[in-house]
Amino acid sequence: MTRYAAKTEVSSEASRMEIERTLTRYGADAFSYGWQGKTQTMVSFRAHDRYVRFVLTLPDPDLPEFKSYRRGAFMVDRAPEAARKLWEQACRQRWRTLALVVKAKLEAVECGISEFEDEFLANIVLPDGQLLGQAIRPQIAATYATGNMPPMLPDYSEGR
């Protein structure tokens, strides 16, 4: 299977700027971008009175898939420049994909196909800084593991 934008020549920076322009066009009133280490980047914004964050994990440039390749039965080291170019291509691909995802979600909301919260639910930032998707994943796993549905409303009868 071919990955979306696997051969893109659009730089990571251009994709990030495209995301920012797209968010502005669809009404976002705040935007930020950051990175940590070689592999963690983040885009966050505020729209529809909600804070949203996407954490984009980039591939580690030290992975063997960038540093070497198979030639017959042997592994051959790539030149450092060739390894860097392959890694940059993988990063560009991920940034292009994020740009596509953000644009598609915002357009779906704009066209009335879905609601903002439905499209960005997993990436909505809770007051404690955690993403809603991170907070709810353990409950989903427990529900499927036990077959027990959580109550629709909290039980406030205790403590009365």
N, C-alpha and C. Protein backbone atom coordinates (compact mmCIF):
# COMPACT_ATOMS: atom_id res chain seq x y z
N MET A 1 0.85 -1.18 0.00
CA MET A 1 0.00 0.00 0.00
C MET A 1 0.89 1.25 0.00
N THR A 2 0.52 2.21 -0.79
CA THR A 2 1.27 3.45 -0.88
C THR A 2 0.78 4.43 0.16
N ARG A 3 1.70 5.09 0.83
CA ARG A 3 1.33 6.10 1.81
C ARG A 3 1.00 7.41 1.11
N TYR A 4 0.02 8.12 1.68
CA TYR A 4 -0.34 9.44 1.18
C TYR A 4 0.90 10.33 1.24
N ALA A 5 1.16 11.07 0.19
CA ALA A 5 2.25 12.05 0.10
C ALA A 5 3.63 11.44 0.32
N ALA A 6 3.77 10.17 0.00
CA ALA A 6 5.05 9.49 0.24
C ALA A 6 6.21 10.13 -0.52
N LYS A 7 5.91 10.76 -1.63
CA LYS A 7 6.97 11.37 -2.44
C LYS A 7 6.85 12.89 -2.50
N THR A 8 6.15 13.47 -1.55
CA THR A 8 5.94 14.91 -1.58
C THR A 8 7.26 15.67 -1.52
N GLU A 9 7.26 16.79 -2.20
CA GLU A 9 8.41 17.69 -2.14
C GLU A 9 8.10 18.93 -1.30
N VAL A 10 6.88 18.99 -0.77
CA VAL A 10 6.48 20.12 0.07
C VAL A 10 7.20 19.99 1.40
N SER A 11 7.86 21.05 1.81
CA SER A 11 8.64 21.00 3.05
C SER A 11 7.72 20.89 4.26
N SER A 12 8.27 20.38 5.34
CA SER A 12 7.53 20.30 6.61
C SER A 12 7.08 21.68 7.04
N GLU A 13 7.94 22.66 6.88
CA GLU A 13 7.61 24.03 7.27
C GLU A 13 6.44 24.58 6.45
N ALA A 14 6.44 24.28 5.15
CA ALA A 14 5.33 24.75 4.31
C ALA A 14 4.02 24.08 4.72
N SER A 15 4.06 22.82 5.08
CA SER A 15 2.84 22.13 5.54
C SER A 15 2.35 22.72 6.85
N ARG A 16 3.27 23.02 7.77
CA ARG A 16 2.89 23.63 9.04
C ARG A 16 2.24 25.00 8.80
N MET A 17 2.82 25.78 7.90
CA MET A 17 2.23 27.09 7.59
C MET A 17 0.87 26.93 6.91
N GLU A 18 0.73 25.91 6.09
CA GLU A 18 -0.58 25.64 5.46
C GLU A 18 -1.62 25.31 6.53
N ILE A 19 -1.24 24.51 7.52
CA ILE A 19 -2.16 24.18 8.61
C ILE A 19 -2.59 25.46 9.32
N GLU A 20 -1.64 26.33 9.61
CA GLU A 20 -1.96 27.58 10.29
C GLU A 20 -2.91 28.44 9.44
N ARG A 21 -2.65 28.57 8.15
CA ARG A 21 -3.53 29.34 7.27
C ARG A 21 -4.92 28.71 7.20
N THR A 22 -4.98 27.39 7.12
CA THR A 22 -6.27 26.69 7.07
C THR A 22 -7.06 26.94 8.33
N LEU A 23 -6.41 26.84 9.48
CA LEU A 23 -7.09 27.08 10.75
C LEU A 23 -7.62 28.50 10.82
N THR A 24 -6.83 29.45 10.38
CA THR A 24 -7.28 30.85 10.37
C THR A 24 -8.49 31.02 9.47
N ARG A 25 -8.43 30.43 8.28
CA ARG A 25 -9.53 30.54 7.32
C ARG A 25 -10.84 29.96 7.89
N TYR A 26 -10.73 28.92 8.72
CA TYR A 26 -11.92 28.29 9.28
C TYR A 26 -12.27 28.81 10.67
N GLY A 27 -11.67 29.93 11.08
CA GLY A 27 -12.12 30.61 12.29
C GLY A 27 -11.33 30.37 13.56
N ALA A 28 -10.22 29.68 13.52
CA ALA A 28 -9.42 29.52 14.73
C ALA A 28 -8.92 30.89 15.17
N ASP A 29 -8.89 31.11 16.49
CA ASP A 29 -8.44 32.41 16.99
C ASP A 29 -7.16 32.32 17.81
N ALA A 30 -6.54 31.15 17.83
CA ALA A 30 -5.24 30.98 18.48
C ALA A 30 -4.54 29.79 17.82
N PHE A 31 -3.23 29.86 17.73
CA PHE A 31 -2.44 28.80 17.11
C PHE A 31 -1.07 28.76 17.77
N SER A 32 -0.56 27.55 17.98
CA SER A 32 0.82 27.42 18.45
C SER A 32 1.42 26.15 17.89
N TYR A 33 2.72 26.14 17.85
CA TYR A 33 3.48 25.02 17.32
C TYR A 33 4.70 24.86 18.20
N GLY A 34 5.11 23.63 18.43
CA GLY A 34 6.32 23.40 19.22
C GLY A 34 6.92 22.05 18.92
N TRP A 35 8.09 21.82 19.42
CA TRP A 35 8.78 20.54 19.22
C TRP A 35 9.61 20.23 20.45
N GLN A 36 9.90 18.96 20.61
CA GLN A 36 10.73 18.48 21.71
C GLN A 36 11.55 17.31 21.19
N GLY A 37 12.84 17.40 21.31
CA GLY A 37 13.70 16.33 20.83
C GLY A 37 13.62 16.20 19.32
N LYS A 38 14.00 15.03 18.83
CA LYS A 38 14.02 14.80 17.39
C LYS A 38 12.69 14.33 16.83
N THR A 39 11.80 13.84 17.71
CA THR A 39 10.63 13.14 17.19
C THR A 39 9.28 13.69 17.61
N GLN A 40 9.21 14.61 18.54
CA GLN A 40 7.92 15.08 19.02
C GLN A 40 7.64 16.51 18.55
N THR A 41 6.55 16.69 17.81
CA THR A 41 6.09 18.01 17.43
C THR A 41 4.62 18.13 17.84
N MET A 42 4.16 19.37 17.94
CA MET A 42 2.81 19.60 18.41
C MET A 42 2.25 20.81 17.69
N VAL A 43 1.00 20.71 17.31
CA VAL A 43 0.23 21.83 16.77
C VAL A 43 -1.00 21.96 17.65
N SER A 44 -1.26 23.15 18.13
CA SER A 44 -2.48 23.35 18.91
C SER A 44 -3.17 24.62 18.45
N PHE A 45 -4.47 24.66 18.68
CA PHE A 45 -5.25 25.81 18.26
C PHE A 45 -6.52 25.90 19.09
N ARG A 46 -7.17 27.06 18.99
CA ARG A 46 -8.46 27.24 19.64
C ARG A 46 -9.46 27.61 18.55
N ALA A 47 -10.56 26.88 18.54
CA ALA A 47 -11.66 27.15 17.60
C ALA A 47 -12.94 26.63 18.24
N HIS A 48 -14.05 27.27 17.93
CA HIS A 48 -15.35 26.85 18.48
C HIS A 48 -15.29 26.76 20.00
N ASP A 49 -14.55 27.66 20.64
CA ASP A 49 -14.40 27.69 22.10
C ASP A 49 -13.78 26.42 22.67
N ARG A 50 -12.98 25.73 21.88
CA ARG A 50 -12.31 24.51 22.33
C ARG A 50 -10.83 24.61 21.99
N TYR A 51 -10.01 24.09 22.89
CA TYR A 51 -8.58 23.97 22.61
C TYR A 51 -8.35 22.57 22.05
N VAL A 52 -7.57 22.50 20.99
CA VAL A 52 -7.30 21.24 20.30
C VAL A 52 -5.79 21.11 20.14
N ARG A 53 -5.31 19.89 20.30
CA ARG A 53 -3.87 19.65 20.14
C ARG A 53 -3.64 18.35 19.37
N PHE A 54 -2.78 18.44 18.38
CA PHE A 54 -2.31 17.27 17.66
C PHE A 54 -0.84 17.08 18.01
N VAL A 55 -0.49 15.90 18.46
CA VAL A 55 0.90 15.56 18.69
C VAL A 55 1.33 14.70 17.51
N LEU A 56 2.29 15.20 16.77
CA LEU A 56 2.77 14.51 15.58
C LEU A 56 4.12 13.89 15.90
N THR A 57 4.14 12.58 15.98
CA THR A 57 5.39 11.88 16.25
C THR A 57 6.10 11.64 14.93
N LEU A 58 7.29 12.18 14.83
CA LEU A 58 8.11 12.00 13.64
C LEU A 58 9.00 10.78 13.82
N PRO A 59 9.45 10.20 12.74
CA PRO A 59 10.32 9.03 12.88
C PRO A 59 11.68 9.44 13.44
N ASP A 60 12.28 8.55 14.18
CA ASP A 60 13.61 8.78 14.73
C ASP A 60 14.63 8.69 13.59
N PRO A 61 15.46 9.71 13.43
CA PRO A 61 16.42 9.67 12.32
C PRO A 61 17.47 8.56 12.46
N ASP A 62 17.56 7.98 13.64
CA ASP A 62 18.53 6.91 13.87
C ASP A 62 17.98 5.51 13.58
N LEU A 63 16.75 5.42 13.10
CA LEU A 63 16.18 4.11 12.77
C LEU A 63 16.98 3.44 11.65
N PRO A 64 17.10 2.13 11.71
CA PRO A 64 17.84 1.41 10.67
C PRO A 64 17.30 1.64 9.26
N GLU A 65 16.00 1.86 9.11
CA GLU A 65 15.44 2.06 7.78
C GLU A 65 16.02 3.28 7.07
N PHE A 66 16.54 4.23 7.84
CA PHE A 66 17.17 5.40 7.24
C PHE A 66 18.68 5.21 7.08
N LYS A 67 19.27 4.50 8.00
CA LYS A 67 20.74 4.38 8.06
C LYS A 67 21.31 3.31 7.13
N SER A 68 20.51 2.30 6.79
CA SER A 68 21.05 1.21 5.98
C SER A 68 19.96 0.61 5.09
N TYR A 69 20.39 -0.24 4.18
CA TYR A 69 19.46 -0.92 3.28
C TYR A 69 20.01 -2.30 2.97
N ARG A 70 19.13 -3.16 2.51
CA ARG A 70 19.51 -4.53 2.19
C ARG A 70 19.95 -4.62 0.74
N ARG A 71 21.08 -5.22 0.54
CA ARG A 71 21.57 -5.53 -0.81
C ARG A 71 21.84 -7.03 -0.81
N GLY A 72 20.88 -7.76 -1.37
CA GLY A 72 20.99 -9.22 -1.32
C GLY A 72 20.88 -9.70 0.11
N ALA A 73 21.86 -10.44 0.56
CA ALA A 73 21.87 -10.97 1.92
C ALA A 73 22.55 -10.03 2.91
N PHE A 74 23.04 -8.89 2.44
CA PHE A 74 23.84 -8.00 3.28
C PHE A 74 23.14 -6.69 3.56
N MET A 75 23.43 -6.12 4.72
CA MET A 75 22.98 -4.78 5.05
C MET A 75 24.11 -3.82 4.73
N VAL A 76 23.78 -2.76 4.01
CA VAL A 76 24.78 -1.78 3.58
C VAL A 76 24.44 -0.44 4.22
N ASP A 77 25.43 0.23 4.77
CA ASP A 77 25.21 1.55 5.36
C ASP A 77 25.00 2.59 4.28
N ARG A 78 24.04 3.49 4.54
CA ARG A 78 23.82 4.61 3.64
C ARG A 78 24.79 5.73 4.01
N ALA A 79 25.08 6.56 3.05
CA ALA A 79 25.84 7.78 3.34
C ALA A 79 24.99 8.65 4.25
N PRO A 80 25.61 9.39 5.17
CA PRO A 80 24.83 10.24 6.09
C PRO A 80 23.87 11.19 5.38
N GLU A 81 24.29 11.77 4.27
CA GLU A 81 23.42 12.68 3.52
C GLU A 81 22.20 11.94 2.96
N ALA A 82 22.39 10.74 2.46
CA ALA A 82 21.28 9.95 1.92
C ALA A 82 20.32 9.56 3.06
N ALA A 83 20.86 9.21 4.22
CA ALA A 83 20.02 8.86 5.37
C ALA A 83 19.20 10.06 5.81
N ARG A 84 19.82 11.23 5.84
CA ARG A 84 19.11 12.45 6.24
C ARG A 84 17.99 12.77 5.25
N LYS A 85 18.23 12.60 3.96
CA LYS A 85 17.21 12.88 2.95
C LYS A 85 16.02 11.94 3.09
N LEU A 86 16.28 10.68 3.36
CA LEU A 86 15.18 9.72 3.57
C LEU A 86 14.35 10.08 4.79
N TRP A 87 15.03 10.45 5.86
CA TRP A 87 14.34 10.85 7.09
C TRP A 87 13.50 12.11 6.84
N GLU A 88 14.06 13.09 6.16
CA GLU A 88 13.32 14.32 5.87
C GLU A 88 12.09 14.03 5.02
N GLN A 89 12.21 13.08 4.08
CA GLN A 89 11.06 12.69 3.26
C GLN A 89 9.95 12.11 4.14
N ALA A 90 10.33 11.26 5.09
CA ALA A 90 9.34 10.66 5.99
C ALA A 90 8.67 11.73 6.84
N CYS A 91 9.42 12.74 7.26
CA CYS A 91 8.84 13.84 8.04
C CYS A 91 7.89 14.67 7.18
N ARG A 92 8.29 14.96 5.94
CA ARG A 92 7.42 15.72 5.04
C ARG A 92 6.10 14.99 4.82
N GLN A 93 6.18 13.67 4.67
CA GLN A 93 4.97 12.86 4.45
C GLN A 93 4.01 13.00 5.63
N ARG A 94 4.54 12.93 6.84
CA ARG A 94 3.67 13.04 8.03
C ARG A 94 3.05 14.42 8.15
N TRP A 95 3.82 15.48 7.85
CA TRP A 95 3.27 16.83 7.91
C TRP A 95 2.19 17.03 6.84
N ARG A 96 2.39 16.50 5.64
CA ARG A 96 1.37 16.61 4.61
C ARG A 96 0.09 15.90 5.05
N THR A 97 0.23 14.75 5.67
CA THR A 97 -0.92 13.99 6.14
C THR A 97 -1.67 14.76 7.21
N LEU A 98 -0.93 15.37 8.15
CA LEU A 98 -1.60 16.17 9.18
C LEU A 98 -2.35 17.34 8.55
N ALA A 99 -1.75 17.99 7.57
CA ALA A 99 -2.43 19.09 6.88
C ALA A 99 -3.73 18.61 6.24
N LEU A 100 -3.68 17.44 5.63
CA LEU A 100 -4.89 16.86 5.01
C LEU A 100 -5.96 16.57 6.06
N VAL A 101 -5.57 15.97 7.16
CA VAL A 101 -6.52 15.60 8.22
C VAL A 101 -7.21 16.84 8.78
N VAL A 102 -6.42 17.86 9.11
CA VAL A 102 -7.00 19.07 9.69
C VAL A 102 -7.96 19.73 8.70
N LYS A 103 -7.53 19.84 7.45
CA LYS A 103 -8.37 20.47 6.43
C LYS A 103 -9.66 19.68 6.22
N ALA A 104 -9.57 18.37 6.15
CA ALA A 104 -10.76 17.54 5.93
C ALA A 104 -11.74 17.66 7.09
N LYS A 105 -11.24 17.65 8.30
CA LYS A 105 -12.11 17.76 9.46
C LYS A 105 -12.83 19.11 9.48
N LEU A 106 -12.08 20.18 9.24
CA LEU A 106 -12.69 21.51 9.24
C LEU A 106 -13.70 21.67 8.11
N GLU A 107 -13.42 21.11 6.96
CA GLU A 107 -14.36 21.20 5.84
C GLU A 107 -15.62 20.38 6.13
N ALA A 108 -15.48 19.23 6.78
CA ALA A 108 -16.65 18.44 7.15
C ALA A 108 -17.55 19.21 8.10
N VAL A 109 -16.95 19.95 9.02
CA VAL A 109 -17.73 20.78 9.94
C VAL A 109 -18.40 21.92 9.18
N GLU A 110 -17.63 22.58 8.33
CA GLU A 110 -18.15 23.72 7.56
C GLU A 110 -19.33 23.32 6.69
N CYS A 111 -19.28 22.13 6.09
CA CYS A 111 -20.35 21.66 5.20
C CYS A 111 -21.53 21.08 5.95
N GLY A 112 -21.43 20.94 7.26
CA GLY A 112 -22.53 20.39 8.03
C GLY A 112 -22.56 18.87 8.06
N ILE A 113 -21.50 18.23 7.60
CA ILE A 113 -21.44 16.77 7.64
C ILE A 113 -21.32 16.28 9.07
N SER A 114 -20.59 17.02 9.89
CA SER A 114 -20.42 16.65 11.29
C SER A 114 -20.23 17.89 12.14
N GLU A 115 -20.17 17.68 13.43
CA GLU A 115 -19.98 18.77 14.40
C GLU A 115 -18.50 18.88 14.76
N PHE A 116 -18.09 20.07 15.16
CA PHE A 116 -16.69 20.31 15.51
C PHE A 116 -16.20 19.32 16.57
N GLU A 117 -16.97 19.17 17.64
CA GLU A 117 -16.55 18.27 18.73
C GLU A 117 -16.43 16.83 18.25
N ASP A 118 -17.31 16.41 17.35
CA ASP A 118 -17.23 15.04 16.82
C ASP A 118 -15.95 14.84 16.03
N GLU A 119 -15.58 15.80 15.21
CA GLU A 119 -14.38 15.67 14.38
C GLU A 119 -13.10 15.70 15.20
N PHE A 120 -13.06 16.54 16.23
CA PHE A 120 -11.82 16.75 16.97
C PHE A 120 -11.85 16.15 18.37
N LEU A 121 -12.83 15.31 18.66
CA LEU A 121 -13.06 14.80 20.01
C LEU A 121 -11.80 14.28 20.69
N ALA A 122 -11.08 13.41 20.06
CA ALA A 122 -9.90 12.80 20.69
C ALA A 122 -8.80 13.81 20.96
N ASN A 123 -8.81 14.93 20.24
CA ASN A 123 -7.73 15.91 20.36
C ASN A 123 -8.12 17.16 21.15
N ILE A 124 -9.33 17.18 21.71
CA ILE A 124 -9.73 18.31 22.56
C ILE A 124 -8.95 18.24 23.86
N VAL A 125 -8.41 19.39 24.25
CA VAL A 125 -7.60 19.48 25.46
C VAL A 125 -8.51 19.70 26.66
N LEU A 126 -8.39 18.84 27.66
CA LEU A 126 -9.16 18.97 28.90
C LEU A 126 -8.50 20.00 29.81
N PRO A 127 -9.21 20.48 30.82
CA PRO A 127 -8.63 21.50 31.70
C PRO A 127 -7.31 21.10 32.35
N ASP A 128 -7.08 19.80 32.53
CA ASP A 128 -5.80 19.37 33.14
C ASP A 128 -4.68 19.21 32.11
N GLY A 129 -4.94 19.55 30.84
CA GLY A 129 -3.93 19.47 29.80
C GLY A 129 -3.91 18.15 29.05
N GLN A 130 -4.64 17.17 29.55
CA GLN A 130 -4.69 15.86 28.90
C GLN A 130 -5.65 15.93 27.71
N LEU A 131 -5.35 15.14 26.69
CA LEU A 131 -6.27 15.05 25.56
C LEU A 131 -7.43 14.14 25.92
N LEU A 132 -8.61 14.46 25.45
CA LEU A 132 -9.79 13.66 25.75
C LEU A 132 -9.59 12.21 25.32
N GLY A 133 -8.98 12.00 24.18
CA GLY A 133 -8.71 10.63 23.71
C GLY A 133 -7.85 9.85 24.69
N GLN A 134 -6.84 10.49 25.25
CA GLN A 134 -5.99 9.82 26.25
C GLN A 134 -6.79 9.46 27.50
N ALA A 135 -7.67 10.37 27.89
CA ALA A 135 -8.45 10.16 29.12
C ALA A 135 -9.47 9.04 28.96
N ILE A 136 -10.05 8.91 27.79
CA ILE A 136 -11.17 7.98 27.61
C ILE A 136 -10.72 6.59 27.16
N ARG A 137 -9.53 6.48 26.56
CA ARG A 137 -9.08 5.18 26.05
C ARG A 137 -9.13 4.06 27.08
N PRO A 138 -8.67 4.27 28.31
CA PRO A 138 -8.76 3.18 29.30
C PRO A 138 -10.20 2.74 29.58
N GLN A 139 -11.14 3.68 29.58
CA GLN A 139 -12.54 3.33 29.81
C GLN A 139 -13.09 2.52 28.64
N ILE A 140 -12.71 2.87 27.44
CA ILE A 140 -13.16 2.11 26.27
C ILE A 140 -12.62 0.69 26.35
N ALA A 141 -11.33 0.56 26.65
CA ALA A 141 -10.72 -0.77 26.75
C ALA A 141 -11.40 -1.61 27.84
N ALA A 142 -11.68 -0.99 28.99
CA ALA A 142 -12.34 -1.72 30.09
C ALA A 142 -13.75 -2.15 29.69
N THR A 143 -14.46 -1.29 29.00
CA THR A 143 -15.82 -1.62 28.58
C THR A 143 -15.81 -2.83 27.64
N TYR A 144 -14.90 -2.84 26.69
CA TYR A 144 -14.82 -3.97 25.77
C TYR A 144 -14.32 -5.23 26.46
N ALA A 145 -13.40 -5.08 27.42
CA ALA A 145 -12.86 -6.25 28.12
C ALA A 145 -13.91 -6.90 29.02
N THR A 146 -14.73 -6.08 29.66
CA THR A 146 -15.70 -6.63 30.62
C THR A 146 -17.09 -6.79 30.03
N GLY A 147 -17.38 -6.03 28.98
CA GLY A 147 -18.73 -6.05 28.42
C GLY A 147 -19.69 -5.20 29.22
N ASN A 148 -19.21 -4.52 30.26
CA ASN A 148 -20.06 -3.68 31.11
C ASN A 148 -20.00 -2.24 30.62
N MET A 149 -21.16 -1.70 30.35
CA MET A 149 -21.25 -0.30 29.94
C MET A 149 -21.15 0.58 31.17
N PRO A 150 -20.42 1.71 31.07
CA PRO A 150 -20.39 2.64 32.20
C PRO A 150 -21.76 3.29 32.34
N PRO A 151 -22.10 3.76 33.53
CA PRO A 151 -23.40 4.41 33.71
C PRO A 151 -23.47 5.68 32.86
N MET A 152 -24.67 5.98 32.38
CA MET A 152 -24.85 7.18 31.56
C MET A 152 -24.66 8.44 32.38
N LEU A 153 -25.07 8.40 33.63
CA LEU A 153 -24.90 9.53 34.53
C LEU A 153 -24.19 9.04 35.81
N PRO A 154 -23.41 9.89 36.44
CA PRO A 154 -22.78 9.47 37.69
C PRO A 154 -23.81 9.15 38.75
N ASP A 155 -23.50 8.21 39.64
CA ASP A 155 -24.38 7.84 40.75
C ASP A 155 -24.09 8.77 41.91
N TYR A 156 -25.00 9.72 42.12
CA TYR A 156 -24.83 10.68 43.21
C TYR A 156 -25.58 10.27 44.46
N SER A 157 -26.14 9.04 44.47
CA SER A 157 -26.95 8.62 45.62
C SER A 157 -26.07 8.39 46.85
N GLU A 158 -24.82 7.98 46.66
CA GLU A 158 -23.94 7.79 47.81
C GLU A 158 -23.56 9.16 48.37
N GLY A 159 -23.44 9.23 49.67
CA GLY A 159 -23.04 10.46 50.29
C GLY A 159 -24.18 11.42 50.59
N ARG A 160 -25.40 10.99 50.32
CA ARG A 160 -26.55 11.85 50.63
C ARG A 160 -26.92 11.73 52.06
